[in-house]
Amino acid sequence: MLAMIAMIIKLLIGGTISYLLPSFSIKDIKEIDHLKITSIGVFSTALFSITSRLDASSPYVLSAGALLFIGILSKAFASEMKNSQRILLYSCTIIGLFIGFGYIFQGIILSFLVYYIT
Protein backbone atom coordinates (compact mmCIF):
# COMPACT_ATOMS: atom_id res chain seq x y z
CA MET A 1 0.00 0.00 0.00
CA LEU A 2 2.84 2.36 0.84
CA ALA A 3 4.50 1.63 -2.50
CA MET A 4 1.29 2.58 -4.31
CA ILE A 5 1.11 5.90 -2.45
CA ALA A 6 4.75 6.59 -3.32
CA MET A 7 4.05 5.84 -6.98
CA ILE A 8 1.03 8.16 -7.01
CA ILE A 9 3.15 10.95 -5.49
CA LYS A 10 5.85 10.35 -8.11
CA LEU A 11 3.26 10.49 -10.89
CA LEU A 12 1.77 13.70 -9.54
CA ILE A 13 5.15 15.40 -9.27
CA GLY A 14 6.34 14.08 -12.65
CA GLY A 15 3.09 15.08 -14.36
CA THR A 16 3.11 18.53 -12.80
CA ILE A 17 6.69 19.22 -13.84
CA SER A 18 6.11 17.82 -17.34
CA TYR A 19 3.07 20.06 -17.75
CA LEU A 20 4.46 23.26 -16.24
CA LEU A 21 7.94 23.23 -17.77
CA PRO A 22 6.78 23.63 -21.41
CA SER A 23 4.04 26.07 -20.33
CA PHE A 24 6.51 28.46 -18.74
CA SER A 25 9.44 27.95 -21.13
CA ILE A 26 7.76 28.41 -24.51
CA LYS A 27 4.90 30.88 -24.84
CA ASP A 28 3.59 29.94 -28.29
CA ILE A 29 3.77 26.15 -28.05
CA LYS A 30 1.26 24.14 -30.07
CA GLU A 31 -1.25 22.16 -28.06
CA ILE A 32 -0.27 18.84 -29.66
CA ASP A 33 3.42 19.40 -28.89
CA HIS A 34 2.58 20.34 -25.32
CA LEU A 35 0.55 17.13 -25.02
CA LYS A 36 3.44 15.06 -26.42
CA ILE A 37 5.93 16.57 -23.97
CA THR A 38 3.60 16.08 -21.01
CA SER A 39 2.69 12.53 -21.97
CA ILE A 40 6.31 11.42 -22.46
CA GLY A 41 7.22 12.91 -19.07
CA VAL A 42 4.38 11.11 -17.28
CA PHE A 43 5.01 7.87 -19.19
CA SER A 44 8.71 7.83 -18.39
CA THR A 45 7.97 8.55 -14.72
CA ALA A 46 5.46 5.71 -14.54
CA LEU A 47 7.59 3.23 -16.46
CA PHE A 48 10.72 3.82 -14.42
CA SER A 49 8.78 3.78 -11.18
CA ILE A 50 7.33 0.39 -12.08
CA THR A 51 10.61 -1.09 -13.30
CA SER A 52 12.49 0.01 -10.20
CA ARG A 53 9.74 -1.45 -8.00
CA LEU A 54 9.43 -4.78 -9.85
CA ASP A 55 13.07 -5.75 -9.62
CA ALA A 56 14.28 -3.94 -6.50
CA SER A 57 17.50 -5.93 -6.13
CA SER A 58 18.90 -5.01 -9.56
CA PRO A 59 16.57 -2.77 -11.59
CA TYR A 60 19.15 -2.25 -14.31
CA VAL A 61 17.97 -4.91 -16.76
CA LEU A 62 14.34 -3.80 -16.84
CA SER A 63 15.32 -0.15 -16.73
CA ALA A 64 17.70 -0.56 -19.66
CA GLY A 65 14.89 -2.02 -21.75
CA ALA A 66 12.54 0.73 -20.60
CA LEU A 67 15.17 3.36 -21.43
CA LEU A 68 15.56 1.95 -24.93
CA PHE A 69 11.78 1.98 -25.43
CA ILE A 70 11.45 5.54 -24.11
CA GLY A 71 14.34 6.67 -26.33
CA ILE A 72 12.68 5.28 -29.45
CA LEU A 73 9.34 6.79 -28.44
CA SER A 74 10.92 10.18 -27.73
CA LYS A 75 12.67 10.20 -31.10
CA ALA A 76 9.37 9.42 -32.83
CA PHE A 77 7.58 12.21 -30.93
CA ALA A 78 10.34 14.76 -31.63
CA SER A 79 10.44 14.24 -35.39
CA GLU A 80 8.29 17.29 -36.23
CA MET A 81 9.19 19.62 -33.34
CA LYS A 82 11.35 22.71 -33.23
CA ASN A 83 14.76 22.52 -31.54
CA SER A 84 13.65 24.24 -28.32
CA GLN A 85 10.70 21.88 -28.04
CA ARG A 86 12.97 18.88 -28.62
CA ILE A 87 15.18 20.05 -25.77
CA LEU A 88 12.12 20.21 -23.53
CA LEU A 89 10.91 16.79 -24.66
CA TYR A 90 14.22 15.08 -23.95
CA SER A 91 14.68 16.95 -20.68
CA CYS A 92 11.18 15.97 -19.51
CA THR A 93 12.09 12.38 -20.33
CA ILE A 94 15.23 12.63 -18.19
CA ILE A 95 13.36 14.40 -15.39
CA GLY A 96 10.73 11.64 -15.51
CA LEU A 97 13.53 9.09 -15.25
CA PHE A 98 14.91 10.77 -12.12
CA ILE A 99 11.53 11.11 -10.47
CA GLY A 100 10.55 7.56 -11.40
CA PHE A 101 13.61 6.19 -9.65
CA GLY A 102 12.77 8.25 -6.57
CA TYR A 103 15.17 11.14 -6.95
CA ILE A 104 12.41 13.72 -6.64
CA PHE A 105 14.59 16.54 -5.30
CA GLN A 106 17.14 16.04 -8.09
CA GLY A 107 14.34 16.06 -10.68
CA ILE A 108 13.02 19.37 -9.35
CA ILE A 109 16.50 20.90 -9.43
CA LEU A 110 16.98 19.64 -13.00
CA SER A 111 13.67 21.17 -14.05
CA PHE A 112 14.75 24.58 -12.71
CA LEU A 113 18.04 24.19 -14.59
CA VAL A 114 16.25 23.35 -17.85
CA TYR A 115 13.89 26.32 -17.37
CA TYR A 116 16.88 28.59 -16.81
CA ILE A 117 18.64 27.28 -19.95
CA THR A 118 15.62 27.61 -22.22
C-alpha atoms as a PDB file:
ATOM      1  CA  MET A   1       0.000   0.000   0.000  1.00  0.00           C
ATOM      2  CA  LEU A   2       2.842   2.362   0.843  1.00  0.00           C
ATOM      3  CA  ALA A   3       4.500   1.631  -2.497  1.00  0.00           C
ATOM      4  CA  MET A   4       1.289   2.581  -4.307  1.00  0.00           C
ATOM      5  CA  ILE A   5       1.109   5.895  -2.450  1.00  0.00           C
ATOM      6  CA  ALA A   6       4.747   6.588  -3.320  1.00  0.00           C
ATOM      7  CA  MET A   7       4.050   5.839  -6.979  1.00  0.00           C
ATOM      8  CA  ILE A   8       1.033   8.164  -7.007  1.00  0.00           C
ATOM      9  CA  ILE A   9       3.152  10.947  -5.492  1.00  0.00           C
ATOM     10  CA  LYS A  10       5.853  10.352  -8.109  1.00  0.00           C
ATOM     11  CA  LEU A  11       3.264  10.493 -10.888  1.00  0.00           C
ATOM     12  CA  LEU A  12       1.771  13.703  -9.537  1.00  0.00           C
ATOM     13  CA  ILE A  13       5.147  15.403  -9.275  1.00  0.00           C
ATOM     14  CA  GLY A  14       6.337  14.083 -12.650  1.00  0.00           C
ATOM     15  CA  GLY A  15       3.092  15.083 -14.358  1.00  0.00           C
ATOM     16  CA  THR A  16       3.111  18.529 -12.803  1.00  0.00           C
ATOM     17  CA  ILE A  17       6.694  19.218 -13.842  1.00  0.00           C
ATOM     18  CA  SER A  18       6.106  17.824 -17.340  1.00  0.00           C
ATOM     19  CA  TYR A  19       3.071  20.063 -17.751  1.00  0.00           C
ATOM     20  CA  LEU A  20       4.456  23.264 -16.239  1.00  0.00           C
ATOM     21  CA  LEU A  21       7.942  23.226 -17.774  1.00  0.00           C
ATOM     22  CA  PRO A  22       6.775  23.629 -21.410  1.00  0.00           C
ATOM     23  CA  SER A  23       4.043  26.068 -20.329  1.00  0.00           C
ATOM     24  CA  PHE A  24       6.514  28.463 -18.744  1.00  0.00           C
ATOM     25  CA  SER A  25       9.439  27.954 -21.126  1.00  0.00           C
ATOM     26  CA  ILE A  26       7.762  28.407 -24.509  1.00  0.00           C
ATOM     27  CA  LYS A  27       4.902  30.875 -24.836  1.00  0.00           C
ATOM     28  CA  ASP A  28       3.589  29.939 -28.292  1.00  0.00           C
ATOM     29  CA  ILE A  29       3.773  26.149 -28.055  1.00  0.00           C
ATOM     30  CA  LYS A  30       1.265  24.139 -30.067  1.00  0.00           C
ATOM     31  CA  GLU A  31      -1.249  22.162 -28.061  1.00  0.00           C
ATOM     32  CA  ILE A  32      -0.272  18.844 -29.658  1.00  0.00           C
ATOM     33  CA  ASP A  33       3.423  19.399 -28.891  1.00  0.00           C
ATOM     34  CA  HIS A  34       2.578  20.336 -25.321  1.00  0.00           C
ATOM     35  CA  LEU A  35       0.546  17.132 -25.019  1.00  0.00           C
ATOM     36  CA  LYS A  36       3.444  15.063 -26.424  1.00  0.00           C
ATOM     37  CA  ILE A  37       5.934  16.565 -23.968  1.00  0.00           C
ATOM     38  CA  THR A  38       3.604  16.077 -21.011  1.00  0.00           C
ATOM     39  CA  SER A  39       2.688  12.528 -21.969  1.00  0.00           C
ATOM     40  CA  ILE A  40       6.308  11.421 -22.455  1.00  0.00           C
ATOM     41  CA  GLY A  41       7.216  12.908 -19.067  1.00  0.00           C
ATOM     42  CA  VAL A  42       4.383  11.107 -17.278  1.00  0.00           C
ATOM     43  CA  PHE A  43       5.006   7.873 -19.188  1.00  0.00           C
ATOM     44  CA  SER A  44       8.715   7.826 -18.388  1.00  0.00           C
ATOM     45  CA  THR A  45       7.973   8.550 -14.717  1.00  0.00           C
ATOM     46  CA  ALA A  46       5.462   5.709 -14.539  1.00  0.00           C
ATOM     47  CA  LEU A  47       7.589   3.231 -16.463  1.00  0.00           C
ATOM     48  CA  PHE A  48      10.722   3.817 -14.421  1.00  0.00           C
ATOM     49  CA  SER A  49       8.777   3.777 -11.179  1.00  0.00           C
ATOM     50  CA  ILE A  50       7.325   0.389 -12.079  1.00  0.00           C
ATOM     51  CA  THR A  51      10.608  -1.094 -13.301  1.00  0.00           C
ATOM     52  CA  SER A  52      12.486   0.009 -10.197  1.00  0.00           C
ATOM     53  CA  ARG A  53       9.744  -1.449  -8.000  1.00  0.00           C
ATOM     54  CA  LEU A  54       9.433  -4.780  -9.854  1.00  0.00           C
ATOM     55  CA  ASP A  55      13.073  -5.747  -9.623  1.00  0.00           C
ATOM     56  CA  ALA A  56      14.279  -3.935  -6.500  1.00  0.00           C
ATOM     57  CA  SER A  57      17.504  -5.930  -6.125  1.00  0.00           C
ATOM     58  CA  SER A  58      18.895  -5.005  -9.556  1.00  0.00           C
ATOM     59  CA  PRO A  59      16.566  -2.766 -11.587  1.00  0.00           C
ATOM     60  CA  TYR A  60      19.154  -2.246 -14.308  1.00  0.00           C
ATOM     61  CA  VAL A  61      17.970  -4.909 -16.755  1.00  0.00           C
ATOM     62  CA  LEU A  62      14.337  -3.804 -16.837  1.00  0.00           C
ATOM     63  CA  SER A  63      15.324  -0.155 -16.728  1.00  0.00           C
ATOM     64  CA  ALA A  64      17.697  -0.561 -19.659  1.00  0.00           C
ATOM     65  CA  GLY A  65      14.890  -2.024 -21.745  1.00  0.00           C
ATOM     66  CA  ALA A  66      12.543   0.733 -20.603  1.00  0.00           C
ATOM     67  CA  LEU A  67      15.174   3.356 -21.430  1.00  0.00           C
ATOM     68  CA  LEU A  68      15.560   1.953 -24.931  1.00  0.00           C
ATOM     69  CA  PHE A  69      11.782   1.979 -25.431  1.00  0.00           C
ATOM     70  CA  ILE A  70      11.446   5.544 -24.106  1.00  0.00           C
ATOM     71  CA  GLY A  71      14.338   6.670 -26.330  1.00  0.00           C
ATOM     72  CA  ILE A  72      12.680   5.281 -29.454  1.00  0.00           C
ATOM     73  CA  LEU A  73       9.337   6.788 -28.443  1.00  0.00           C
ATOM     74  CA  SER A  74      10.924  10.183 -27.727  1.00  0.00           C
ATOM     75  CA  LYS A  75      12.671  10.198 -31.096  1.00  0.00           C
ATOM     76  CA  ALA A  76       9.374   9.422 -32.828  1.00  0.00           C
ATOM     77  CA  PHE A  77       7.583  12.214 -30.926  1.00  0.00           C
ATOM     78  CA  ALA A  78      10.339  14.759 -31.626  1.00  0.00           C
ATOM     79  CA  SER A  79      10.445  14.243 -35.386  1.00  0.00           C
ATOM     80  CA  GLU A  80       8.294  17.295 -36.231  1.00  0.00           C
ATOM     81  CA  MET A  81       9.186  19.617 -33.342  1.00  0.00           C
ATOM     82  CA  LYS A  82      11.355  22.709 -33.230  1.00  0.00           C
ATOM     83  CA  ASN A  83      14.756  22.523 -31.542  1.00  0.00           C
ATOM     84  CA  SER A  84      13.647  24.243 -28.324  1.00  0.00           C
ATOM     85  CA  GLN A  85      10.699  21.882 -28.037  1.00  0.00           C
ATOM     86  CA  ARG A  86      12.967  18.883 -28.619  1.00  0.00           C
ATOM     87  CA  ILE A  87      15.183  20.048 -25.772  1.00  0.00           C
ATOM     88  CA  LEU A  88      12.123  20.211 -23.526  1.00  0.00           C
ATOM     89  CA  LEU A  89      10.912  16.787 -24.664  1.00  0.00           C
ATOM     90  CA  TYR A  90      14.218  15.085 -23.952  1.00  0.00           C
ATOM     91  CA  SER A  91      14.678  16.948 -20.679  1.00  0.00           C
ATOM     92  CA  CYS A  92      11.178  15.968 -19.510  1.00  0.00           C
ATOM     93  CA  THR A  93      12.086  12.383 -20.328  1.00  0.00           C
ATOM     94  CA  ILE A  94      15.226  12.634 -18.188  1.00  0.00           C
ATOM     95  CA  ILE A  95      13.356  14.404 -15.393  1.00  0.00           C
ATOM     96  CA  GLY A  96      10.732  11.643 -15.506  1.00  0.00           C
ATOM     97  CA  LEU A  97      13.526   9.089 -15.247  1.00  0.00           C
ATOM     98  CA  PHE A  98      14.912  10.766 -12.124  1.00  0.00           C
ATOM     99  CA  ILE A  99      11.527  11.113 -10.472  1.00  0.00           C
ATOM    100  CA  GLY A 100      10.546   7.557 -11.403  1.00  0.00           C
ATOM    101  CA  PHE A 101      13.612   6.187  -9.652  1.00  0.00           C
ATOM    102  CA  GLY A 102      12.774   8.246  -6.572  1.00  0.00           C
ATOM    103  CA  TYR A 103      15.169  11.143  -6.953  1.00  0.00           C
ATOM    104  CA  ILE A 104      12.410  13.722  -6.636  1.00  0.00           C
ATOM    105  CA  PHE A 105      14.594  16.539  -5.303  1.00  0.00           C
ATOM    106  CA  GLN A 106      17.136  16.040  -8.087  1.00  0.00           C
ATOM    107  CA  GLY A 107      14.337  16.059 -10.679  1.00  0.00           C
ATOM    108  CA  ILE A 108      13.023  19.369  -9.352  1.00  0.00           C
ATOM    109  CA  ILE A 109      16.503  20.904  -9.430  1.00  0.00           C
ATOM    110  CA  LEU A 110      16.984  19.642 -12.996  1.00  0.00           C
ATOM    111  CA  SER A 111      13.673  21.174 -14.052  1.00  0.00           C
ATOM    112  CA  PHE A 112      14.750  24.582 -12.712  1.00  0.00           C
ATOM    113  CA  LEU A 113      18.036  24.195 -14.585  1.00  0.00           C
ATOM    114  CA  VAL A 114      16.246  23.350 -17.852  1.00  0.00           C
ATOM    115  CA  TYR A 115      13.890  26.323 -17.375  1.00  0.00           C
ATOM    116  CA  TYR A 116      16.882  28.593 -16.813  1.00  0.00           C
ATOM    117  CA  ILE A 117      18.636  27.282 -19.948  1.00  0.00           C
ATOM    118  CA  THR A 118      15.618  27.608 -22.216  1.00  0.00           C
END
